[in-house]
Amino acid sequence: MNNQRVVTGSIGASYMRPRIVAFIPAHNEEKSIRDCLAGLGDQLLPNNVELDVFVIADNCTDRTKEKAELAGDEFDLNIKVLVTEGNKQRNIGGVMAKYTMRMPKKKSSLSKDDVHYEEKLASGEYGGPIARWWTHQQKQDMASWLLDLQYHGGSTYVLGGQATLFRPEALQNIVEENKLDGPWQNDSDVEDMLLTWQLQKSNWKTLISPGARCFVDSMRSYHTYREQRNKWKSGTVDLLTNGNLDVRTKHKGKLWRSQIKTLCDLLIRLLFILLLSAALATDQFYWSWLWIIPIALASVLNFMLAVKTPMHRPIDVILAGLLISPEIYLWVNLITFSQVWLERLAANKKDGWANQYNAENGRTRSKLGQGILTGFAFTGMIVVLCIYFRDYLTSPSVQQAIYPYLMNGWILLTYLTIYQSLYMFYQIWTLRKPIQA
C-alpha cells in the first residue's frame, strides 16, 4: 500500500513527514469515547511516525467534545475535535480527501559517501529528474480530475481506497443488498469504483472533501505507471460495458464522454500524422495560421492546470505552457487507451493487480526502448523511400489522385479539432473559478 498522510486546511511544507491519521465519527458518545481513545493511546508506532487523531463530534447534545479532549490529554494524543451542528445530510455514504502525489526528494541531494546511501535510495523518498517529472504529471492529472468534479458539485464516481470516510450503515447496506462477504470485491480491478457505484445505486451520496488532503506516492517510471493505468482503465471499461454487473452511477455519461474525448485525441493525432506525411511526400502541404488556435488554447489550458496544481515547480509550469510535458503524457495515455479497448474487444482479460505488483517490484520490464527504436527505424525507412521516389510522388498524376483524399481528410480533421477546441475553451472558462485542486 502507498504511504499516505491526510491533512486539513492549507498545504504545509512539512507534508513529506510520515504520519498516521485516525478519524473517529462520534454522535453522543460521551460514555464510550474515552475507551476508544485509550485503544489508540496503546498503539505502538514505528520510529519517526506521528499520530494525528480527529474526533468528529457530529450533532452531539452531550459532553462528547469535552470527554474527547480530556481523554486526549490523558493519553497524550495529538487530538483535534471537529464539531458539526445542524448537519442534516444523513445520506452521505462516503467522503474522499483530495489526492496529491508526493514529490520525491532530489536524488542528487544524496551524498554517495553517506553510509546509509543505498538504504535511503531504496526507501522511495528520493528520485531522479525522470521520476520527479512523472510524479508531477500524475499530480497535475489528479488536480485536473479533482477540479472538474468540484466544479460540478463535488460528487465523485470513485471513492479512493486511501483516505476515504465511509458511513458504516452505507457499507452494511451494500453488503446486505448485494449478498457479499464484505464491501470490497477482490475480483475487480477497480474495487473502489465498484463500491462507489453500488453506493450511488442505493441512493447514498459520494463526495469529495473541500478541505481534507491525502498525500500519496506516485508511479515513478513509465512501466509502473502504464501497468497501474492499464488496471484502472481496464476496470473502468469493464464496469461501463459489462451488462451482468447490476451497478450504475449518475456519472456514467461523464465517463463515456471521457472515453469519446480520448478517442478523438487519438484520431486527431493519427490523422494529422498521416495527412501531414502524405502532403509533404506529394508536395501538397500548405500552412494555415488557423492551426495556431487549438495549439494556443491547449497551451493556456495546460498552463492554468499547472498553476492550479498544488506545490507546482516553475519548470513544470513552463513545460506545460510549451505543451512538451502534456503531449508526452497524453501519448502514454493514448497507448494505454488503445491497449485496453483492443483487449476488451478481444475478450482478453488480464490480472491487473498482478501486473501492477510485478512492475512495482521489478519483476517485469518495460518495452519502451524497443518501441522507440522501432518507431525511429520505421520513420527513417519511410523518409528514405519518400526521398528515393520523390519524382514519382510529386508527379501531377499522383498529386491529382491523392488530392481528394487529402482534402476530405483535412476537412474531417478540422471538424474534430473544432470539437476539441470548444471543449478546451469550456475547460479554460471553468478554471477561472476560485476552486483549489
Protein backbone atom coordinates (compact mmCIF):
# COMPACT_ATOMS: atom_id res chain seq x y z
CA MET A 1 0.00 0.00 0.00
CA ASN A 2 1.24 3.51 -0.79
CA ASN A 3 2.42 5.71 2.04
CA GLN A 4 -0.02 8.48 2.77
CA ARG A 5 -0.80 11.37 5.01
CA VAL A 6 -4.07 13.25 5.40
CA VAL A 7 -4.14 16.94 6.29
CA THR A 8 -6.84 19.54 6.55
CA GLY A 9 -6.56 23.21 5.78
CA SER A 10 -3.62 24.75 3.94
CA ILE A 11 -0.80 22.72 2.44
CA GLY A 12 2.32 22.94 4.58
CA ALA A 13 5.95 22.47 3.71
CA SER A 14 6.23 19.52 6.11
CA TYR A 15 3.92 17.24 4.11
CA MET A 16 6.71 14.72 3.49
CA ARG A 17 6.83 13.67 7.15
CA PRO A 18 5.29 10.20 7.60
CA ARG A 19 2.16 10.36 9.74
CA ILE A 20 -0.89 8.27 10.55
CA VAL A 21 -4.25 9.97 10.80
CA ALA A 22 -7.24 8.46 12.64
CA PHE A 23 -10.76 9.86 12.13
CA ILE A 24 -13.37 8.93 14.74
CA PRO A 25 -17.01 9.83 13.98
CA ALA A 26 -18.93 10.32 17.22
CA HIS A 27 -22.58 11.17 17.89
CA ASN A 28 -23.42 11.42 21.62
CA GLU A 29 -20.57 9.09 22.61
CA GLU A 30 -19.57 10.64 25.97
CA LYS A 31 -19.76 7.23 27.67
CA SER A 32 -17.55 5.36 25.16
CA ILE A 33 -15.20 7.94 23.61
CA ARG A 34 -12.58 7.55 26.37
CA ASP A 35 -12.26 3.79 25.86
CA CYS A 36 -11.97 4.31 22.09
CA LEU A 37 -9.16 6.84 22.50
CA ALA A 38 -7.47 4.63 25.11
CA GLY A 39 -7.10 1.98 22.40
CA LEU A 40 -5.30 4.47 20.16
CA GLY A 41 -3.07 5.50 23.03
CA ASP A 42 -1.93 1.89 23.45
CA GLN A 43 -0.76 1.59 19.85
CA LEU A 44 2.97 1.23 19.14
CA LEU A 45 4.08 3.44 16.25
CA PRO A 46 7.14 2.99 14.00
CA ASN A 47 10.08 5.28 14.66
CA ASN A 48 9.65 8.88 13.41
CA VAL A 49 5.94 8.31 12.67
CA GLU A 50 3.42 10.53 14.43
CA LEU A 51 -0.30 10.02 15.02
CA ASP A 52 -2.99 12.66 14.47
CA VAL A 53 -6.46 11.98 15.86
CA PHE A 54 -9.59 13.79 14.66
CA VAL A 55 -12.81 13.24 16.59
CA ILE A 56 -15.87 14.40 14.65
CA ALA A 57 -18.50 15.33 17.25
CA ASP A 58 -21.49 15.21 14.92
CA ASN A 59 -24.68 16.93 16.14
CA CYS A 60 -23.85 15.99 19.73
CA THR A 61 -26.15 17.04 22.58
CA ASP A 62 -23.98 15.57 25.35
CA ARG A 63 -20.36 16.13 26.51
CA THR A 64 -18.64 14.13 23.74
CA LYS A 65 -16.35 17.07 22.87
CA GLU A 66 -15.20 17.67 26.46
CA LYS A 67 -14.70 13.94 27.17
CA ALA A 68 -12.66 13.52 23.98
CA GLU A 69 -10.39 16.45 24.85
CA LEU A 70 -9.85 15.16 28.38
CA ALA A 71 -9.02 11.68 27.05
CA GLY A 72 -6.61 13.20 24.55
CA ASP A 73 -4.70 14.89 27.37
CA GLU A 74 -4.82 11.74 29.49
CA PHE A 75 -3.32 9.50 26.79
CA ASP A 76 -1.00 12.16 25.34
CA LEU A 77 -2.66 12.14 21.92
CA ASN A 78 -2.35 14.85 19.31
CA ILE A 79 -6.10 15.29 19.14
CA LYS A 80 -8.45 17.77 17.48
CA VAL A 81 -12.23 17.72 17.94
CA LEU A 82 -14.29 18.87 14.95
CA VAL A 83 -17.81 19.92 15.93
CA THR A 84 -20.73 19.88 13.47
CA GLU A 85 -24.08 21.47 14.22
CA GLY A 86 -27.27 21.23 12.22
CA ASN A 87 -25.82 18.51 9.98
CA LYS A 88 -28.88 17.21 8.13
CA GLN A 89 -27.14 15.31 5.33
CA ARG A 90 -27.59 11.82 6.68
CA ASN A 91 -27.47 10.08 3.31
CA ILE A 92 -23.75 10.68 2.66
CA GLY A 93 -22.22 7.24 2.14
CA GLY A 94 -18.60 8.30 1.79
CA VAL A 95 -16.31 11.33 1.59
CA MET A 96 -12.86 11.22 -0.01
CA ALA A 97 -9.91 13.51 0.64
CA LYS A 98 -8.22 15.26 -2.28
CA TYR A 99 -5.22 13.31 -3.50
CA THR A 100 -1.84 14.90 -4.20
CA MET A 101 1.23 12.90 -5.28
CA ARG A 102 4.28 13.35 -3.06
CA MET A 103 7.21 14.78 -4.98
CA PRO A 104 10.36 12.69 -4.41
CA LYS A 105 13.35 14.47 -2.94
CA LYS A 106 16.17 15.15 -5.37
CA LYS A 107 18.37 12.10 -5.79
CA SER A 108 21.30 14.45 -6.42
CA SER A 109 21.00 15.77 -2.84
CA LEU A 110 22.16 12.40 -1.52
CA SER A 111 25.87 12.03 -0.90
CA LYS A 112 27.30 8.76 -2.18
CA ASP A 113 29.65 8.83 0.79
CA ASP A 114 26.67 8.54 3.12
CA VAL A 115 26.82 5.15 4.83
CA HIS A 116 23.02 4.96 4.51
CA TYR A 117 23.03 5.90 0.79
CA GLU A 118 21.61 2.61 -0.51
CA GLU A 119 19.08 2.43 2.33
CA LYS A 120 17.83 5.95 1.67
CA LEU A 121 17.67 5.31 -2.07
CA ALA A 122 15.62 2.15 -1.52
CA SER A 123 13.18 3.99 0.77
CA GLY A 124 11.47 5.60 -2.23
CA GLU A 125 11.83 9.13 -0.84
CA TYR A 126 14.38 10.10 -3.50
CA GLY A 127 14.17 10.20 -7.26
CA GLY A 128 15.95 11.49 -10.33
CA PRO A 129 14.63 14.04 -12.87
CA ILE A 130 12.51 11.45 -14.72
CA ALA A 131 10.86 10.18 -11.53
CA ARG A 132 10.12 13.75 -10.45
CA TRP A 133 8.74 14.56 -13.90
CA TRP A 134 6.43 11.51 -13.83
CA THR A 135 5.27 12.46 -10.36
CA HIS A 136 4.28 15.98 -11.41
CA GLN A 137 2.38 14.73 -14.47
CA GLN A 138 0.32 12.40 -12.29
CA LYS A 139 -0.17 15.18 -9.75
CA GLN A 140 -1.42 17.56 -12.46
CA ASP A 141 -3.66 14.85 -13.93
CA MET A 142 -5.18 14.25 -10.49
CA ALA A 143 -5.61 18.02 -9.96
CA SER A 144 -7.46 18.31 -13.28
CA TRP A 145 -9.80 15.46 -12.30
CA LEU A 146 -10.49 16.93 -8.85
CA LEU A 147 -11.17 20.40 -10.26
CA ASP A 148 -13.64 19.01 -12.78
CA LEU A 149 -15.57 17.09 -10.12
CA GLN A 150 -15.64 20.06 -7.74
CA TYR A 151 -16.84 22.43 -10.47
CA HIS A 152 -19.82 20.10 -10.92
CA GLY A 153 -20.92 19.80 -7.30
CA GLY A 154 -18.24 17.62 -5.67
CA SER A 155 -19.87 14.26 -6.37
CA THR A 156 -17.38 11.55 -7.36
CA TYR A 157 -17.73 8.24 -9.20
CA VAL A 158 -14.83 6.70 -7.27
CA LEU A 159 -14.07 6.90 -3.56
CA GLY A 160 -10.35 6.12 -3.41
CA GLY A 161 -9.04 3.23 -1.38
CA GLN A 162 -6.99 5.66 0.72
CA ALA A 163 -8.26 8.50 2.92
CA THR A 164 -12.00 7.93 2.47
CA LEU A 165 -14.51 8.12 5.31
CA PHE A 166 -17.44 5.71 4.93
CA ARG A 167 -20.71 5.68 6.81
CA PRO A 168 -20.93 2.23 8.46
CA GLU A 169 -24.64 1.97 7.70
CA ALA A 170 -23.94 2.55 4.00
CA LEU A 171 -21.33 -0.22 3.85
CA GLN A 172 -23.61 -2.60 5.71
CA ASN A 173 -26.38 -1.72 3.27
CA ILE A 174 -24.14 -2.66 0.33
CA VAL A 175 -23.15 -5.98 1.92
CA GLU A 176 -26.75 -6.97 2.63
CA GLU A 177 -28.23 -5.70 -0.64
CA ASN A 178 -25.62 -7.46 -2.81
CA LYS A 179 -25.22 -10.53 -0.58
CA LEU A 180 -21.46 -10.02 -0.17
CA ASP A 181 -18.94 -11.16 2.42
CA GLY A 182 -17.60 -7.60 2.63
CA PRO A 183 -17.99 -4.20 0.92
CA TRP A 184 -14.92 -4.55 -1.35
CA GLN A 185 -14.77 -7.21 -4.07
CA ASN A 186 -11.28 -8.51 -4.77
CA ASP A 187 -12.11 -9.86 -8.23
CA SER A 188 -12.48 -6.32 -9.62
CA ASP A 189 -9.53 -4.24 -10.90
CA VAL A 190 -11.34 -1.15 -9.56
CA GLU A 191 -12.94 -2.40 -6.37
CA ASP A 192 -13.16 1.16 -5.00
CA MET A 193 -15.06 2.37 -8.08
CA LEU A 194 -17.38 -0.65 -8.00
CA LEU A 195 -18.22 0.04 -4.34
CA THR A 196 -18.88 3.71 -5.15
CA TRP A 197 -21.30 2.79 -7.92
CA GLN A 198 -23.10 0.38 -5.59
CA LEU A 199 -23.44 3.18 -3.03
CA GLN A 200 -24.88 5.56 -5.63
CA LYS A 201 -27.29 2.89 -6.83
CA SER A 202 -28.59 2.64 -3.25
CA ASN A 203 -29.04 6.46 -3.19
CA TRP A 204 -26.03 7.20 -0.99
CA LYS A 205 -24.07 10.35 -1.81
CA THR A 206 -20.35 10.01 -2.60
CA LEU A 207 -18.45 13.28 -2.25
CA ILE A 208 -15.01 14.90 -2.31
CA SER A 209 -14.00 16.82 0.80
CA PRO A 210 -13.30 20.51 0.05
CA GLY A 211 -10.61 20.70 2.76
CA ALA A 212 -9.01 17.32 3.56
CA ARG A 213 -5.96 16.31 1.55
CA CYS A 214 -4.12 12.99 1.27
CA PHE A 215 -0.53 12.80 0.06
CA VAL A 216 0.21 9.53 -1.74
CA ASP A 217 3.14 8.03 -3.56
CA SER A 218 3.16 8.07 -7.36
CA MET A 219 4.33 5.67 -10.01
CA ARG A 220 7.95 6.73 -10.60
CA SER A 221 8.57 5.14 -14.03
CA TYR A 222 6.89 4.64 -17.40
CA HIS A 223 6.48 0.90 -16.83
CA THR A 224 4.88 1.05 -13.38
CA TYR A 225 2.66 3.93 -14.47
CA ARG A 226 1.44 2.05 -17.53
CA GLU A 227 0.61 -1.08 -15.55
CA GLN A 228 -1.30 0.95 -12.95
CA ARG A 229 -3.27 2.86 -15.57
CA ASN A 230 -3.93 -0.32 -17.54
CA LYS A 231 -5.55 -1.75 -14.42
CA TRP A 232 -7.58 1.38 -13.71
CA LYS A 233 -8.78 1.95 -17.27
CA SER A 234 -9.46 -1.73 -17.90
CA GLY A 235 -11.58 -1.89 -14.75
CA THR A 236 -13.47 1.26 -15.75
CA VAL A 237 -14.21 -0.06 -19.24
CA ASP A 238 -15.37 -3.35 -17.70
CA LEU A 239 -17.85 -1.50 -15.46
CA LEU A 240 -19.12 0.54 -18.40
CA THR A 241 -19.59 -2.39 -20.77
CA ASN A 242 -20.38 -5.36 -18.54
CA GLY A 243 -24.14 -5.81 -18.64
CA ASN A 244 -24.02 -8.54 -15.99
CA LEU A 245 -22.94 -6.08 -13.29
CA ASP A 246 -26.01 -4.69 -11.56
CA VAL A 247 -24.47 -1.31 -10.74
CA ARG A 248 -24.95 2.20 -12.01
CA THR A 249 -23.70 5.71 -11.46
CA LYS A 250 -25.04 9.12 -12.38
CA HIS A 251 -21.56 9.80 -13.76
CA LYS A 252 -21.88 7.17 -16.49
CA GLY A 253 -22.45 9.82 -19.16
CA LYS A 254 -19.35 11.71 -17.98
CA LEU A 255 -17.26 8.55 -18.18
CA TRP A 256 -18.46 7.74 -21.69
CA ARG A 257 -17.77 11.33 -22.79
CA SER A 258 -14.26 10.95 -21.40
CA GLN A 259 -13.78 7.78 -23.48
CA ILE A 260 -15.04 9.59 -26.59
CA LYS A 261 -12.76 12.56 -25.93
CA THR A 262 -9.74 10.27 -25.60
CA LEU A 263 -10.73 8.56 -28.86
CA CYS A 264 -10.92 11.99 -30.54
CA ASP A 265 -7.47 12.87 -29.16
CA LEU A 266 -6.11 9.67 -30.68
CA LEU A 267 -7.86 10.12 -34.05
CA ILE A 268 -6.74 13.76 -34.36
CA ARG A 269 -3.09 12.88 -33.82
CA LEU A 270 -3.07 9.80 -36.04
CA LEU A 271 -4.98 11.59 -38.78
CA PHE A 272 -2.69 14.62 -38.59
CA ILE A 273 0.45 12.45 -38.85
CA LEU A 274 -1.00 10.55 -41.82
CA LEU A 275 -2.20 13.66 -43.66
CA LEU A 276 0.97 15.63 -42.95
CA SER A 277 3.15 12.75 -44.17
CA ALA A 278 1.11 12.34 -47.37
CA ALA A 279 1.03 16.11 -48.01
CA LEU A 280 4.79 16.51 -47.55
CA ALA A 281 5.58 13.41 -49.62
CA THR A 282 3.46 14.68 -52.55
CA ASP A 283 4.47 18.34 -52.12
CA GLN A 284 0.90 19.45 -51.31
CA PHE A 285 1.36 20.88 -47.83
CA TYR A 286 0.02 24.38 -47.13
CA TRP A 287 0.32 26.15 -43.79
CA SER A 288 -2.72 27.87 -42.25
CA TRP A 289 -2.46 30.25 -39.30
CA LEU A 290 -5.83 28.97 -38.09
CA TRP A 291 -3.97 25.92 -36.75
CA ILE A 292 -2.48 28.16 -34.10
CA ILE A 293 -5.88 28.47 -32.36
CA PRO A 294 -6.12 24.91 -30.90
CA ILE A 295 -2.41 25.00 -30.04
CA ALA A 296 -2.86 28.31 -28.19
CA LEU A 297 -5.93 27.01 -26.35
CA ALA A 298 -4.08 23.85 -25.29
CA SER A 299 -1.15 25.95 -24.09
CA VAL A 300 -3.36 28.23 -21.99
CA LEU A 301 -5.33 25.29 -20.58
CA ASN A 302 -2.26 23.32 -19.50
CA PHE A 303 -0.60 26.45 -18.11
CA MET A 304 -3.64 27.11 -15.92
CA LEU A 305 -3.81 23.49 -14.79
CA ALA A 306 -0.12 23.54 -13.88
CA VAL A 307 -0.58 26.73 -11.85
CA LYS A 308 -3.58 25.24 -10.02
CA THR A 309 -1.69 22.04 -9.21
CA PRO A 310 -0.54 22.04 -5.56
CA MET A 311 3.17 22.64 -4.99
CA HIS A 312 4.00 23.09 -8.67
CA ARG A 313 7.53 23.93 -9.75
CA PRO A 314 8.43 26.71 -12.23
CA ILE A 315 9.83 24.15 -14.68
CA ASP A 316 6.51 22.25 -14.60
CA VAL A 317 4.57 25.40 -15.49
CA ILE A 318 6.98 26.24 -18.32
CA LEU A 319 6.88 22.74 -19.83
CA ALA A 320 3.09 22.71 -19.52
CA GLY A 321 2.75 26.04 -21.32
CA LEU A 322 5.08 24.83 -24.09
CA LEU A 323 2.92 21.65 -24.37
CA ILE A 324 6.00 19.43 -24.06
CA SER A 325 5.01 17.57 -20.89
CA PRO A 326 1.24 17.37 -21.61
CA GLU A 327 1.81 15.93 -25.11
CA ILE A 328 4.24 13.25 -23.94
CA TYR A 329 1.94 12.32 -21.06
CA LEU A 330 -1.09 12.26 -23.36
CA TRP A 331 0.60 9.88 -25.80
CA VAL A 332 1.32 7.45 -22.96
CA ASN A 333 -2.36 7.53 -22.00
CA LEU A 334 -3.43 7.14 -25.64
CA ILE A 335 -1.32 3.97 -25.87
CA THR A 336 -2.97 2.68 -22.69
CA PHE A 337 -6.44 3.58 -24.02
CA SER A 338 -5.80 1.68 -27.26
CA GLN A 339 -4.45 -1.38 -25.47
CA VAL A 340 -7.37 -1.53 -23.03
CA TRP A 341 -10.04 -1.32 -25.72
CA LEU A 342 -8.29 -3.80 -28.01
CA GLU A 343 -8.10 -6.28 -25.13
CA ARG A 344 -11.74 -5.62 -24.29
CA LEU A 345 -12.87 -6.21 -27.88
CA ALA A 346 -10.77 -9.36 -28.00
CA ALA A 347 -12.19 -10.53 -24.64
CA ASN A 348 -8.61 -10.85 -23.38
CA LYS A 349 -8.83 -10.39 -19.62
CA LYS A 350 -5.58 -9.87 -17.70
CA ASP A 351 -4.85 -9.80 -13.99
CA GLY A 352 -4.32 -6.06 -13.48
CA TRP A 353 -3.40 -6.41 -9.81
CA ALA A 354 -0.66 -8.98 -10.52
CA ASN A 355 0.74 -6.97 -13.44
CA GLN A 356 0.98 -3.79 -11.37
CA TYR A 357 2.51 -5.64 -8.41
CA ASN A 358 5.13 -7.31 -10.61
CA ALA A 359 6.01 -3.99 -12.26
CA GLU A 360 6.42 -2.18 -8.94
CA ASN A 361 8.65 -4.97 -7.62
CA GLY A 362 10.88 -5.06 -10.71
CA ARG A 363 9.74 -8.49 -11.90
CA THR A 364 8.78 -7.20 -15.36
CA ARG A 365 10.49 -4.74 -17.66
CA SER A 366 9.24 -2.00 -19.96
CA LYS A 367 9.40 -2.35 -23.74
CA LEU A 368 9.58 1.43 -24.17
CA GLY A 369 13.13 1.39 -25.52
CA GLN A 370 12.27 -1.26 -28.13
CA GLY A 371 9.17 0.68 -29.13
CA ILE A 372 11.09 3.93 -29.58
CA LEU A 373 13.81 2.25 -31.67
CA THR A 374 11.19 0.53 -33.81
CA GLY A 375 9.39 3.85 -34.31
CA PHE A 376 12.59 5.64 -35.36
CA ALA A 377 13.54 2.81 -37.71
CA PHE A 378 10.09 2.78 -39.34
CA THR A 379 10.06 6.59 -39.68
CA GLY A 380 13.56 6.57 -41.15
CA MET A 381 12.59 3.91 -43.68
CA ILE A 382 9.53 5.93 -44.78
CA VAL A 383 11.64 9.10 -45.16
CA VAL A 384 14.25 7.29 -47.25
CA LEU A 385 11.57 5.79 -49.51
CA CYS A 386 9.89 9.19 -49.95
CA ILE A 387 13.20 10.79 -50.94
CA TYR A 388 14.05 7.95 -53.32
CA PHE A 389 10.64 8.08 -55.05
CA ARG A 390 10.23 11.86 -54.78
CA ASP A 391 9.92 12.47 -58.52
CA TYR A 392 7.14 9.91 -58.78
CA LEU A 393 5.30 11.09 -55.65
CA THR A 394 5.35 14.74 -56.77
CA SER A 395 4.23 13.98 -60.33
CA PRO A 396 0.90 15.59 -61.41
CA SER A 397 -0.83 12.22 -61.79
CA VAL A 398 -0.04 11.14 -58.22
CA GLN A 399 -0.89 14.58 -56.81
CA GLN A 400 -4.27 14.56 -58.57
CA ALA A 401 -5.01 11.03 -57.31
CA ILE A 402 -4.08 11.88 -53.70
CA TYR A 403 -5.63 15.37 -53.57
CA PRO A 404 -9.32 14.36 -52.96
CA TYR A 405 -8.31 12.08 -50.08
CA LEU A 406 -6.17 14.84 -48.57
CA MET A 407 -8.99 17.35 -48.80
CA ASN A 408 -11.57 15.04 -47.21
CA GLY A 409 -9.06 14.10 -44.52
CA TRP A 410 -8.27 17.73 -43.68
CA ILE A 411 -12.00 18.52 -43.54
CA LEU A 412 -12.59 15.64 -41.09
CA LEU A 413 -9.59 16.72 -39.04
CA THR A 414 -10.95 20.28 -38.97
CA TYR A 415 -14.29 19.17 -37.54
CA LEU A 416 -12.59 17.01 -34.89
CA THR A 417 -10.27 19.88 -33.98
CA ILE A 418 -13.17 22.33 -33.68
CA TYR A 419 -14.89 19.95 -31.27
CA GLN A 420 -11.75 19.61 -29.17
CA SER A 421 -11.13 23.37 -29.27
CA LEU A 422 -14.63 24.12 -28.00
CA TYR A 423 -14.13 21.62 -25.19
CA MET A 424 -10.78 23.19 -24.25
CA PHE A 425 -12.38 26.64 -24.25
CA TYR A 426 -15.06 25.32 -21.87
CA GLN A 427 -12.35 23.90 -19.58
CA ILE A 428 -10.49 27.21 -19.58
CA TRP A 429 -13.73 29.02 -18.74
CA THR A 430 -14.41 26.78 -15.75
CA LEU A 431 -10.82 27.07 -14.46
CA ARG A 432 -11.42 30.75 -13.74
CA LYS A 433 -13.43 29.73 -10.64
CA PRO A 434 -11.56 30.05 -7.32
CA ILE A 435 -11.57 26.33 -6.50
CA GLN A 436 -8.41 24.55 -5.31
CA ALA A 437 -7.37 21.17 -6.68
